[in-house]
Amino acid sequence: MSLTKIPIVISREGKWYVASSPVLDSATQGKTEQEVKANMAELVNDYLKDPDTRKPKLSEMNGISITNIQAALPEGVSHRKVAAAQTT
């Protein structure tokens, strides 16, 4: 068995951490970042072991880039509100 890295995105939604894998079109959640990473690892491993699921090509799995873009916020949108949601 060989190993590869699968890109995942982790975000905070209220009290939950949510992890998604764009290449596998899968997502899960957890109460902590560690829990959501463990849940996602289990989900990805089960997905890849399942003989009935379509497996992406290795080039598809490694061909994703996650970055930030700059966006103009409309007046009235508070930066503090977003930051507070991430820290609670």
Protein backbone atom coordinates (compact mmCIF):
# COMPACT_ATOMS: atom_id res chain seq x y z
CA MET A 1 0.00 0.00 0.00
CA SER A 2 1.33 3.45 -0.90
CA LEU A 3 0.50 6.71 0.83
CA THR A 4 -0.55 10.07 -0.58
CA LYS A 5 -1.79 13.32 0.89
CA ILE A 6 -5.40 14.30 0.25
CA PRO A 7 -6.19 18.01 0.52
CA ILE A 8 -8.92 18.88 3.00
CA VAL A 9 -10.46 22.17 4.10
CA ILE A 10 -11.28 22.76 7.76
CA SER A 11 -13.57 25.57 8.84
CA ARG A 12 -15.36 26.52 12.02
CA GLU A 13 -19.16 26.64 11.98
CA GLY A 14 -20.48 27.70 15.35
CA LYS A 15 -19.35 25.11 17.90
CA TRP A 16 -18.33 22.58 15.23
CA TYR A 17 -15.29 22.09 13.04
CA VAL A 18 -16.21 20.99 9.53
CA ALA A 19 -13.74 19.25 7.21
CA SER A 20 -14.33 18.68 3.53
CA SER A 21 -12.37 17.02 0.77
CA PRO A 22 -13.00 18.73 -2.57
CA VAL A 23 -11.47 15.88 -4.59
CA LEU A 24 -13.62 13.23 -2.91
CA ASP A 25 -16.70 15.42 -2.50
CA SER A 26 -16.95 14.32 1.15
CA ALA A 27 -17.35 16.13 4.45
CA THR A 28 -17.56 15.45 8.18
CA GLN A 29 -17.59 17.37 11.46
CA GLY A 30 -16.10 17.22 14.94
CA LYS A 31 -16.12 19.12 18.22
CA THR A 32 -12.38 19.85 18.00
CA GLU A 33 -9.91 20.28 15.17
CA GLN A 34 -8.20 17.04 16.18
CA GLU A 35 -11.53 15.19 16.19
CA VAL A 36 -12.52 16.47 12.75
CA LYS A 37 -9.11 15.49 11.33
CA ALA A 38 -9.48 11.98 12.78
CA ASN A 39 -13.05 11.74 11.45
CA MET A 40 -11.91 12.86 8.00
CA ALA A 41 -9.00 10.41 7.95
CA GLU A 42 -11.39 7.56 8.77
CA LEU A 43 -13.89 8.75 6.16
CA VAL A 44 -11.23 9.07 3.43
CA ASN A 45 -9.70 5.68 4.21
CA ASP A 46 -13.12 3.99 4.15
CA TYR A 47 -13.96 5.79 0.90
CA LEU A 48 -10.75 4.64 -0.79
CA LYS A 49 -11.20 1.04 0.42
CA ASP A 50 -14.80 0.81 -0.84
CA PRO A 51 -14.73 -1.13 -4.13
CA ASP A 52 -17.99 0.48 -5.32
CA THR A 53 -16.87 4.13 -5.25
CA ARG A 54 -15.24 5.89 -8.18
CA LYS A 55 -11.66 6.71 -7.27
CA PRO A 56 -10.12 9.96 -8.50
CA LYS A 57 -6.83 9.87 -10.39
CA LEU A 58 -3.75 10.76 -8.37
CA SER A 59 -3.29 13.86 -10.54
CA GLU A 60 -6.79 15.02 -9.54
CA MET A 61 -6.04 14.52 -5.84
CA ASN A 62 -2.85 16.58 -6.00
CA GLY A 63 -4.14 19.18 -8.45
CA ILE A 64 -6.04 21.35 -5.96
CA SER A 65 -4.76 24.63 -4.61
CA ILE A 66 -6.38 26.41 -1.69
CA THR A 67 -5.68 30.10 -1.32
CA ASN A 68 -7.20 33.36 -0.13
CA ILE A 69 -8.57 36.09 -2.36
CA GLN A 70 -9.21 39.70 -1.53
CA ALA A 71 -12.85 40.79 -1.49
CA ALA A 72 -14.54 44.12 -0.86
CA LEU A 73 -17.00 43.86 2.03
CA PRO A 74 -20.25 45.80 1.77
CA GLU A 75 -20.82 48.51 4.31
CA GLY A 76 -22.29 47.18 7.53
CA VAL A 77 -20.41 43.87 7.44
CA SER A 78 -18.44 43.61 10.66
CA HIS A 79 -15.02 42.01 10.84
CA ARG A 80 -15.43 41.52 14.59
CA LYS A 81 -18.52 39.37 14.14
CA VAL A 82 -16.61 36.92 11.91
CA ALA A 83 -13.57 36.88 14.21
CA ALA A 84 -15.73 36.31 17.29
CA ALA A 85 -17.43 33.32 15.67
CA GLN A 86 -14.03 31.75 15.01
CA THR A 87 -12.73 32.15 18.55
CA THR A 88 -15.71 30.96 20.58
